[in-house]
Amino acid sequence: MPKTMLTDIRWELLLQLMKSTGRIYDTTEHRMTFEGILYRMRTGVPWRDLPSEFGEWSTVYRRFDLWSKKGILNMLFRCLSSMADIR
């Protein structure tokens, strides 16, 4: 399995943000989708080459597209940047 980036604590904080949008995001599938998006952004692999542990590449891409258009990804990335471990 590819290395994931989110700790359980950070995912819970992001999940609360996602729930505040009025939609239901409380599924393991959504966590793996977001991890897949982070993996793709970190590695630069084509969407079709995403490891299957993140789910179907087309599902991850569709959610990336939808969440981008709705501003959800921007909100999540701002939250993640505020949690950065600056040393």
PDB file of N, CA and C in Angstrom:
ATOM      1  N   MET A   1       0.844  -1.193   0.000  1.00  0.00           N
ATOM      2  CA  MET A   1       0.000   0.000   0.000  1.00  0.00           C
ATOM      3  C   MET A   1       0.876   1.239   0.000  1.00  0.00           C
ATOM      4  N   PRO A   2       0.496   2.238  -0.774  1.00  0.00           N
ATOM      5  CA  PRO A   2       1.262   3.483  -0.790  1.00  0.00           C
ATOM      6  C   PRO A   2       1.197   4.176   0.565  1.00  0.00           C
ATOM      7  N   LYS A   3       2.217   4.930   0.856  1.00  0.00           N
ATOM      8  CA  LYS A   3       2.249   5.673   2.110  1.00  0.00           C
ATOM      9  C   LYS A   3       1.185   6.767   2.091  1.00  0.00           C
ATOM     10  N   THR A   4       0.405   6.815   3.154  1.00  0.00           N
ATOM     11  CA  THR A   4      -0.618   7.855   3.259  1.00  0.00           C
ATOM     12  C   THR A   4      -0.051   9.029   4.053  1.00  0.00           C
ATOM     13  N   MET A   5      -0.722  10.153   3.969  1.00  0.00           N
ATOM     14  CA  MET A   5      -0.200  11.372   4.580  1.00  0.00           C
ATOM     15  C   MET A   5      -0.947  11.828   5.826  1.00  0.00           C
ATOM     16  N   LEU A   6      -2.208  11.466   5.942  1.00  0.00           N
ATOM     17  CA  LEU A   6      -3.032  12.019   7.011  1.00  0.00           C
ATOM     18  C   LEU A   6      -3.049  11.135   8.252  1.00  0.00           C
ATOM     19  N   THR A   7      -2.850  11.748   9.393  1.00  0.00           N
ATOM     20  CA  THR A   7      -3.042  11.029  10.647  1.00  0.00           C
ATOM     21  C   THR A   7      -4.540  10.980  10.923  1.00  0.00           C
ATOM     22  N   ASP A   8      -4.942  10.116  11.822  1.00  0.00           N
ATOM     23  CA  ASP A   8      -6.361  10.031  12.180  1.00  0.00           C
ATOM     24  C   ASP A   8      -6.866  11.356  12.743  1.00  0.00           C
ATOM     25  N   ILE A   9      -6.037  12.015  13.524  1.00  0.00           N
ATOM     26  CA  ILE A   9      -6.441  13.292  14.136  1.00  0.00           C
ATOM     27  C   ILE A   9      -6.669  14.347  13.058  1.00  0.00           C
ATOM     28  N   ARG A  10      -5.733  14.436  12.108  1.00  0.00           N
ATOM     29  CA  ARG A  10      -5.900  15.426  11.039  1.00  0.00           C
ATOM     30  C   ARG A  10      -7.106  15.102  10.168  1.00  0.00           C
ATOM     31  N   TRP A  11      -7.321  13.818   9.891  1.00  0.00           N
ATOM     32  CA  TRP A  11      -8.490  13.456   9.090  1.00  0.00           C
ATOM     33  C   TRP A  11      -9.772  13.848   9.809  1.00  0.00           C
ATOM     34  N   GLU A  12      -9.839  13.638  11.104  1.00  0.00           N
ATOM     35  CA  GLU A  12     -11.049  14.015  11.852  1.00  0.00           C
ATOM     36  C   GLU A  12     -11.314  15.517  11.750  1.00  0.00           C
ATOM     37  N   LEU A  13     -10.261  16.324  11.825  1.00  0.00           N
ATOM     38  CA  LEU A  13     -10.439  17.773  11.683  1.00  0.00           C
ATOM     39  C   LEU A  13     -10.934  18.129  10.280  1.00  0.00           C
ATOM     40  N   LEU A  14     -10.342  17.496   9.267  1.00  0.00           N
ATOM     41  CA  LEU A  14     -10.789  17.750   7.895  1.00  0.00           C
ATOM     42  C   LEU A  14     -12.216  17.266   7.679  1.00  0.00           C
ATOM     43  N   LEU A  15     -12.545  16.145   8.282  1.00  0.00           N
ATOM     44  CA  LEU A  15     -13.891  15.592   8.156  1.00  0.00           C
ATOM     45  C   LEU A  15     -14.928  16.550   8.730  1.00  0.00           C
ATOM     46  N   GLN A  16     -14.613  17.170   9.854  1.00  0.00           N
ATOM     47  CA  GLN A  16     -15.534  18.148  10.437  1.00  0.00           C
ATOM     48  C   GLN A  16     -15.755  19.321   9.482  1.00  0.00           C
ATOM     49  N   LEU A  17     -14.689  19.755   8.828  1.00  0.00           N
ATOM     50  CA  LEU A  17     -14.821  20.818   7.823  1.00  0.00           C
ATOM     51  C   LEU A  17     -15.716  20.372   6.676  1.00  0.00           C
ATOM     52  N   MET A  18     -15.497  19.168   6.212  1.00  0.00           N
ATOM     53  CA  MET A  18     -16.287  18.657   5.090  1.00  0.00           C
ATOM     54  C   MET A  18     -17.759  18.540   5.468  1.00  0.00           C
ATOM     55  N   LYS A  19     -18.017  18.104   6.693  1.00  0.00           N
ATOM     56  CA  LYS A  19     -19.410  17.987   7.146  1.00  0.00           C
ATOM     57  C   LYS A  19     -20.088  19.345   7.234  1.00  0.00           C
ATOM     58  N   SER A  20     -19.291  20.384   7.501  1.00  0.00           N
ATOM     59  CA  SER A  20     -19.874  21.721   7.639  1.00  0.00           C
ATOM     60  C   SER A  20     -20.407  22.254   6.309  1.00  0.00           C
ATOM     61  N   THR A  21     -20.069  21.596   5.211  1.00  0.00           N
ATOM     62  CA  THR A  21     -20.574  22.024   3.899  1.00  0.00           C
ATOM     63  C   THR A  21     -22.008  21.569   3.674  1.00  0.00           C
ATOM     64  N   GLY A  22     -22.530  20.743   4.586  1.00  0.00           N
ATOM     65  CA  GLY A  22     -23.908  20.286   4.472  1.00  0.00           C
ATOM     66  C   GLY A  22     -24.058  18.972   3.744  1.00  0.00           C
ATOM     67  N   ARG A  23     -22.949  18.394   3.286  1.00  0.00           N
ATOM     68  CA  ARG A  23     -22.992  17.112   2.587  1.00  0.00           C
ATOM     69  C   ARG A  23     -22.444  16.034   3.510  1.00  0.00           C
ATOM     70  N   ILE A  24     -22.693  14.795   3.168  1.00  0.00           N
ATOM     71  CA  ILE A  24     -22.226  13.679   3.992  1.00  0.00           C
ATOM     72  C   ILE A  24     -20.908  13.169   3.423  1.00  0.00           C
ATOM     73  N   TYR A  25     -19.852  13.262   4.208  1.00  0.00           N
ATOM     74  CA  TYR A  25     -18.536  12.816   3.773  1.00  0.00           C
ATOM     75  C   TYR A  25     -17.933  11.808   4.740  1.00  0.00           C
ATOM     76  N   ASP A  26     -18.720  11.286   5.653  1.00  0.00           N
ATOM     77  CA  ASP A  26     -18.192  10.436   6.709  1.00  0.00           C
ATOM     78  C   ASP A  26     -18.074   8.982   6.257  1.00  0.00           C
ATOM     79  N   THR A  27     -17.198   8.726   5.310  1.00  0.00           N
ATOM     80  CA  THR A  27     -16.961   7.357   4.895  1.00  0.00           C
ATOM     81  C   THR A  27     -15.461   7.144   4.715  1.00  0.00           C
ATOM     82  N   THR A  28     -15.013   5.923   4.913  1.00  0.00           N
ATOM     83  CA  THR A  28     -13.610   5.580   4.702  1.00  0.00           C
ATOM     84  C   THR A  28     -13.233   5.846   3.255  1.00  0.00           C
ATOM     85  N   GLU A  29     -14.173   5.636   2.362  1.00  0.00           N
ATOM     86  CA  GLU A  29     -13.927   5.850   0.939  1.00  0.00           C
ATOM     87  C   GLU A  29     -13.479   7.285   0.657  1.00  0.00           C
ATOM     88  N   HIS A  30     -14.076   8.263   1.317  1.00  0.00           N
ATOM     89  CA  HIS A  30     -13.705   9.654   1.091  1.00  0.00           C
ATOM     90  C   HIS A  30     -12.307   9.938   1.610  1.00  0.00           C
ATOM     91  N   ARG A  31     -11.937   9.307   2.701  1.00  0.00           N
ATOM     92  CA  ARG A  31     -10.566   9.494   3.192  1.00  0.00           C
ATOM     93  C   ARG A  31      -9.573   8.962   2.165  1.00  0.00           C
ATOM     94  N   MET A  32      -9.822   7.785   1.634  1.00  0.00           N
ATOM     95  CA  MET A  32      -8.907   7.218   0.657  1.00  0.00           C
ATOM     96  C   MET A  32      -8.918   8.035  -0.640  1.00  0.00           C
ATOM     97  N   THR A  33     -10.060   8.602  -0.982  1.00  0.00           N
ATOM     98  CA  THR A  33     -10.121   9.480  -2.150  1.00  0.00           C
ATOM     99  C   THR A  33      -9.210  10.681  -1.946  1.00  0.00           C
ATOM    100  N   PHE A  34      -9.302  11.307  -0.785  1.00  0.00           N
ATOM    101  CA  PHE A  34      -8.470  12.470  -0.511  1.00  0.00           C
ATOM    102  C   PHE A  34      -7.002  12.075  -0.448  1.00  0.00           C
ATOM    103  N   GLU A  35      -6.709  10.922   0.145  1.00  0.00           N
ATOM    104  CA  GLU A  35      -5.329  10.424   0.164  1.00  0.00           C
ATOM    105  C   GLU A  35      -4.836  10.203  -1.269  1.00  0.00           C
ATOM    106  N   GLY A  36      -5.702   9.698  -2.136  1.00  0.00           N
ATOM    107  CA  GLY A  36      -5.337   9.503  -3.541  1.00  0.00           C
ATOM    108  C   GLY A  36      -5.023  10.822  -4.233  1.00  0.00           C
ATOM    109  N   ILE A  37      -5.815  11.845  -3.926  1.00  0.00           N
ATOM    110  CA  ILE A  37      -5.563  13.176  -4.482  1.00  0.00           C
ATOM    111  C   ILE A  37      -4.210  13.695  -3.997  1.00  0.00           C
ATOM    112  N   LEU A  38      -3.949  13.543  -2.704  1.00  0.00           N
ATOM    113  CA  LEU A  38      -2.662  13.981  -2.157  1.00  0.00           C
ATOM    114  C   LEU A  38      -1.506  13.202  -2.780  1.00  0.00           C
ATOM    115  N   TYR A  39      -1.700  11.894  -2.956  1.00  0.00           N
ATOM    116  CA  TYR A  39      -0.667  11.056  -3.564  1.00  0.00           C
ATOM    117  C   TYR A  39      -0.377  11.528  -4.986  1.00  0.00           C
ATOM    118  N   ARG A  40      -1.405  11.762  -5.742  1.00  0.00           N
ATOM    119  CA  ARG A  40      -1.242  12.196  -7.128  1.00  0.00           C
ATOM    120  C   ARG A  40      -0.537  13.548  -7.188  1.00  0.00           C
ATOM    121  N   MET A  41      -0.897  14.458  -6.305  1.00  0.00           N
ATOM    122  CA  MET A  41      -0.266  15.773  -6.284  1.00  0.00           C
ATOM    123  C   MET A  41       1.201  15.672  -5.851  1.00  0.00           C
ATOM    124  N   ARG A  42       1.475  14.772  -4.925  1.00  0.00           N
ATOM    125  CA  ARG A  42       2.841  14.607  -4.410  1.00  0.00           C
ATOM    126  C   ARG A  42       3.756  13.943  -5.436  1.00  0.00           C
ATOM    127  N   THR A  43       3.247  12.964  -6.163  1.00  0.00           N
ATOM    128  CA  THR A  43       4.086  12.182  -7.068  1.00  0.00           C
ATOM    129  C   THR A  43       4.004  12.625  -8.520  1.00  0.00           C
ATOM    130  N   GLY A  44       2.893  13.219  -8.913  1.00  0.00           N
ATOM    131  CA  GLY A  44       2.714  13.648 -10.294  1.00  0.00           C
ATOM    132  C   GLY A  44       2.349  12.516 -11.252  1.00  0.00           C
ATOM    133  N   VAL A  45       1.947  11.356 -10.712  1.00  0.00           N
ATOM    134  CA  VAL A  45       1.573  10.247 -11.595  1.00  0.00           C
ATOM    135  C   VAL A  45       0.295  10.613 -12.354  1.00  0.00           C
ATOM    136  N   PRO A  46       0.128  10.073 -13.553  1.00  0.00           N
ATOM    137  CA  PRO A  46      -1.141  10.274 -14.256  1.00  0.00           C
ATOM    138  C   PRO A  46      -2.286   9.659 -13.436  1.00  0.00           C
ATOM    139  N   TRP A  47      -3.470  10.234 -13.583  1.00  0.00           N
ATOM    140  CA  TRP A  47      -4.628   9.721 -12.831  1.00  0.00           C
ATOM    141  C   TRP A  47      -4.789   8.222 -13.029  1.00  0.00           C
ATOM    142  N   ARG A  48      -4.624   7.749 -14.240  1.00  0.00           N
ATOM    143  CA  ARG A  48      -4.824   6.319 -14.536  1.00  0.00           C
ATOM    144  C   ARG A  48      -3.823   5.419 -13.834  1.00  0.00           C
ATOM    145  N   ASP A  49      -2.709   5.989 -13.360  1.00  0.00           N
ATOM    146  CA  ASP A  49      -1.675   5.198 -12.690  1.00  0.00           C
ATOM    147  C   ASP A  49      -1.762   5.249 -11.170  1.00  0.00           C
ATOM    148  N   LEU A  50      -2.839   5.820 -10.641  1.00  0.00           N
ATOM    149  CA  LEU A  50      -3.010   5.818  -9.180  1.00  0.00           C
ATOM    150  C   LEU A  50      -3.080   4.381  -8.680  1.00  0.00           C
ATOM    151  N   PRO A  51      -2.400   4.070  -7.576  1.00  0.00           N
ATOM    152  CA  PRO A  51      -2.525   2.725  -7.013  1.00  0.00           C
ATOM    153  C   PRO A  51      -3.983   2.412  -6.670  1.00  0.00           C
ATOM    154  N   SER A  52      -4.361   1.179  -6.864  1.00  0.00           N
ATOM    155  CA  SER A  52      -5.761   0.773  -6.671  1.00  0.00           C
ATOM    156  C   SER A  52      -6.214   0.882  -5.221  1.00  0.00           C
ATOM    157  N   GLU A  53      -5.288   0.987  -4.283  1.00  0.00           N
ATOM    158  CA  GLU A  53      -5.668   1.134  -2.864  1.00  0.00           C
ATOM    159  C   GLU A  53      -6.483   2.398  -2.616  1.00  0.00           C
ATOM    160  N   PHE A  54      -6.344   3.369  -3.494  1.00  0.00           N
ATOM    161  CA  PHE A  54      -7.091   4.619  -3.341  1.00  0.00           C
ATOM    162  C   PHE A  54      -8.481   4.537  -3.960  1.00  0.00           C
ATOM    163  N   GLY A  55      -8.787   3.453  -4.616  1.00  0.00           N
ATOM    164  CA  GLY A  55     -10.065   3.287  -5.297  1.00  0.00           C
ATOM    165  C   GLY A  55      -9.859   3.427  -6.795  1.00  0.00           C
ATOM    166  N   GLU A  56     -10.958   3.388  -7.516  1.00  0.00           N
ATOM    167  CA  GLU A  56     -10.887   3.551  -8.966  1.00  0.00           C
ATOM    168  C   GLU A  56     -10.343   4.944  -9.300  1.00  0.00           C
ATOM    169  N   TRP A  57      -9.392   4.996 -10.211  1.00  0.00           N
ATOM    170  CA  TRP A  57      -8.777   6.284 -10.547  1.00  0.00           C
ATOM    171  C   TRP A  57      -9.826   7.280 -11.039  1.00  0.00           C
ATOM    172  N   SER A  58     -10.823   6.785 -11.779  1.00  0.00           N
ATOM    173  CA  SER A  58     -11.828   7.693 -12.334  1.00  0.00           C
ATOM    174  C   SER A  58     -12.701   8.299 -11.229  1.00  0.00           C
ATOM    175  N   THR A  59     -12.946   7.528 -10.181  1.00  0.00           N
ATOM    176  CA  THR A  59     -13.712   8.047  -9.041  1.00  0.00           C
ATOM    177  C   THR A  59     -12.911   9.116  -8.314  1.00  0.00           C
ATOM    178  N   VAL A  60     -11.640   8.854  -8.100  1.00  0.00           N
ATOM    179  CA  VAL A  60     -10.778   9.833  -7.427  1.00  0.00           C
ATOM    180  C   VAL A  60     -10.725  11.110  -8.265  1.00  0.00           C
ATOM    181  N   TYR A  61     -10.559  10.961  -9.581  1.00  0.00           N
ATOM    182  CA  TYR A  61     -10.505  12.139 -10.443  1.00  0.00           C
ATOM    183  C   TYR A  61     -11.827  12.909 -10.418  1.00  0.00           C
ATOM    184  N   ARG A  62     -12.952  12.202 -10.519  1.00  0.00           N
ATOM    185  CA  ARG A  62     -14.259  12.891 -10.516  1.00  0.00           C
ATOM    186  C   ARG A  62     -14.457  13.672  -9.224  1.00  0.00           C
ATOM    187  N   ARG A  63     -14.067  13.078  -8.101  1.00  0.00           N
ATOM    188  CA  ARG A  63     -14.220  13.804  -6.826  1.00  0.00           C
ATOM    189  C   ARG A  63     -13.246  14.970  -6.760  1.00  0.00           C
ATOM    190  N   PHE A  64     -12.039  14.789  -7.272  1.00  0.00           N
ATOM    191  CA  PHE A  64     -11.085  15.898  -7.343  1.00  0.00           C
ATOM    192  C   PHE A  64     -11.710  17.058  -8.119  1.00  0.00           C
ATOM    193  N   ASP A  65     -12.288  16.764  -9.262  1.00  0.00           N
ATOM    194  CA  ASP A  65     -12.909  17.781 -10.106  1.00  0.00           C
ATOM    195  C   ASP A  65     -14.077  18.448  -9.386  1.00  0.00           C
ATOM    196  N   LEU A  66     -14.968  17.638  -8.815  1.00  0.00           N
ATOM    197  CA  LEU A  66     -16.139  18.172  -8.112  1.00  0.00           C
ATOM    198  C   LEU A  66     -15.733  19.003  -6.895  1.00  0.00           C
ATOM    199  N   TRP A  67     -14.841  18.446  -6.076  1.00  0.00           N
ATOM    200  CA  TRP A  67     -14.416  19.155  -4.865  1.00  0.00           C
ATOM    201  C   TRP A  67     -13.668  20.432  -5.217  1.00  0.00           C
ATOM    202  N   SER A  68     -12.942  20.437  -6.329  1.00  0.00           N
ATOM    203  CA  SER A  68     -12.252  21.657  -6.776  1.00  0.00           C
ATOM    204  C   SER A  68     -13.273  22.725  -7.143  1.00  0.00           C
ATOM    205  N   LYS A  69     -14.264  22.342  -7.922  1.00  0.00           N
ATOM    206  CA  LYS A  69     -15.282  23.300  -8.368  1.00  0.00           C
ATOM    207  C   LYS A  69     -16.093  23.866  -7.209  1.00  0.00           C
ATOM    208  N   LYS A  70     -16.334  23.044  -6.185  1.00  0.00           N
ATOM    209  CA  LYS A  70     -17.136  23.485  -5.045  1.00  0.00           C
ATOM    210  C   LYS A  70     -16.310  24.214  -3.986  1.00  0.00           C
ATOM    211  N   GLY A  71     -14.989  24.276  -4.161  1.00  0.00           N
ATOM    212  CA  GLY A  71     -14.130  24.958  -3.194  1.00  0.00           C
ATOM    213  C   GLY A  71     -13.768  24.111  -1.991  1.00  0.00           C
ATOM    214  N   ILE A  72     -14.151  22.857  -1.997  1.00  0.00           N
ATOM    215  CA  ILE A  72     -13.882  21.984  -0.854  1.00  0.00           C
ATOM    216  C   ILE A  72     -12.386  21.713  -0.727  1.00  0.00           C
ATOM    217  N   LEU A  73     -11.720  21.442  -1.856  1.00  0.00           N
ATOM    218  CA  LEU A  73     -10.280  21.181  -1.785  1.00  0.00           C
ATOM    219  C   LEU A  73      -9.524  22.400  -1.286  1.00  0.00           C
ATOM    220  N   ASN A  74      -9.897  23.569  -1.743  1.00  0.00           N
ATOM    221  CA  ASN A  74      -9.242  24.793  -1.280  1.00  0.00           C
ATOM    222  C   ASN A  74      -9.392  24.930   0.236  1.00  0.00           C
ATOM    223  N   MET A  75     -10.571  24.659   0.733  1.00  0.00           N
ATOM    224  CA  MET A  75     -10.836  24.733   2.165  1.00  0.00           C
ATOM    225  C   MET A  75      -9.970  23.713   2.924  1.00  0.00           C
ATOM    226  N   LEU A  76      -9.890  22.484   2.396  1.00  0.00           N
ATOM    227  CA  LEU A  76      -9.097  21.445   3.052  1.00  0.00           C
ATOM    228  C   LEU A  76      -7.611  21.771   3.034  1.00  0.00           C
ATOM    229  N   PHE A  77      -7.126  22.282   1.907  1.00  0.00           N
ATOM    230  CA  PHE A  77      -5.705  22.621   1.814  1.00  0.00           C
ATOM    231  C   PHE A  77      -5.340  23.783   2.728  1.00  0.00           C
ATOM    232  N   ARG A  78      -6.238  24.762   2.848  1.00  0.00           N
ATOM    233  CA  ARG A  78      -5.981  25.862   3.793  1.00  0.00           C
ATOM    234  C   ARG A  78      -5.894  25.339   5.215  1.00  0.00           C
ATOM    235  N   CYS A  79      -6.800  24.419   5.557  1.00  0.00           N
ATOM    236  CA  CYS A  79      -6.781  23.826   6.895  1.00  0.00           C
ATOM    237  C   CYS A  79      -5.493  23.041   7.115  1.00  0.00           C
ATOM    238  N   LEU A  80      -5.104  22.242   6.132  1.00  0.00           N
ATOM    239  CA  LEU A  80      -3.863  21.468   6.258  1.00  0.00           C
ATOM    240  C   LEU A  80      -2.643  22.377   6.393  1.00  0.00           C
ATOM    241  N   SER A  81      -2.619  23.459   5.649  1.00  0.00           N
ATOM    242  CA  SER A  81      -1.461  24.356   5.746  1.00  0.00           C
ATOM    243  C   SER A  81      -1.381  25.020   7.109  1.00  0.00           C
ATOM    244  N   SER A  82      -2.513  25.237   7.745  1.00  0.00           N
ATOM    245  CA  SER A  82      -2.497  25.841   9.083  1.00  0.00           C
ATOM    246  C   SER A  82      -2.023  24.844  10.139  1.00  0.00           C
ATOM    247  N   MET A  83      -2.061  23.556   9.810  1.00  0.00           N
ATOM    248  CA  MET A  83      -1.592  22.512  10.733  1.00  0.00           C
ATOM    249  C   MET A  83      -0.149  22.102  10.465  1.00  0.00           C
ATOM    250  N   ALA A  84       0.518  22.792   9.548  1.00  0.00           N
ATOM    251  CA  ALA A  84       1.857  22.386   9.135  1.00  0.00           C
ATOM    252  C   ALA A  84       2.812  22.355  10.323  1.00  0.00           C
ATOM    253  N   ASP A  85       3.681  21.371  10.299  1.00  0.00           N
ATOM    254  CA  ASP A  85       4.716  21.241  11.323  1.00  0.00           C
ATOM    255  C   ASP A  85       5.922  22.086  10.880  1.00  0.00           C
ATOM    256  N   ILE A  86       5.971  23.294  11.342  1.00  0.00           N
ATOM    257  CA  ILE A  86       7.067  24.191  10.966  1.00  0.00           C
ATOM    258  C   ILE A  86       8.151  24.046  12.012  1.00  0.00           C
ATOM    259  N   ARG A  87       9.336  23.743  11.522  1.00  0.00           N
ATOM    260  CA  ARG A  87      10.468  23.554  12.467  1.00  0.00           C
ATOM    261  C   ARG A  87      11.564  24.504  12.167  1.00  0.00           C
TER     262      ARG A  87
END
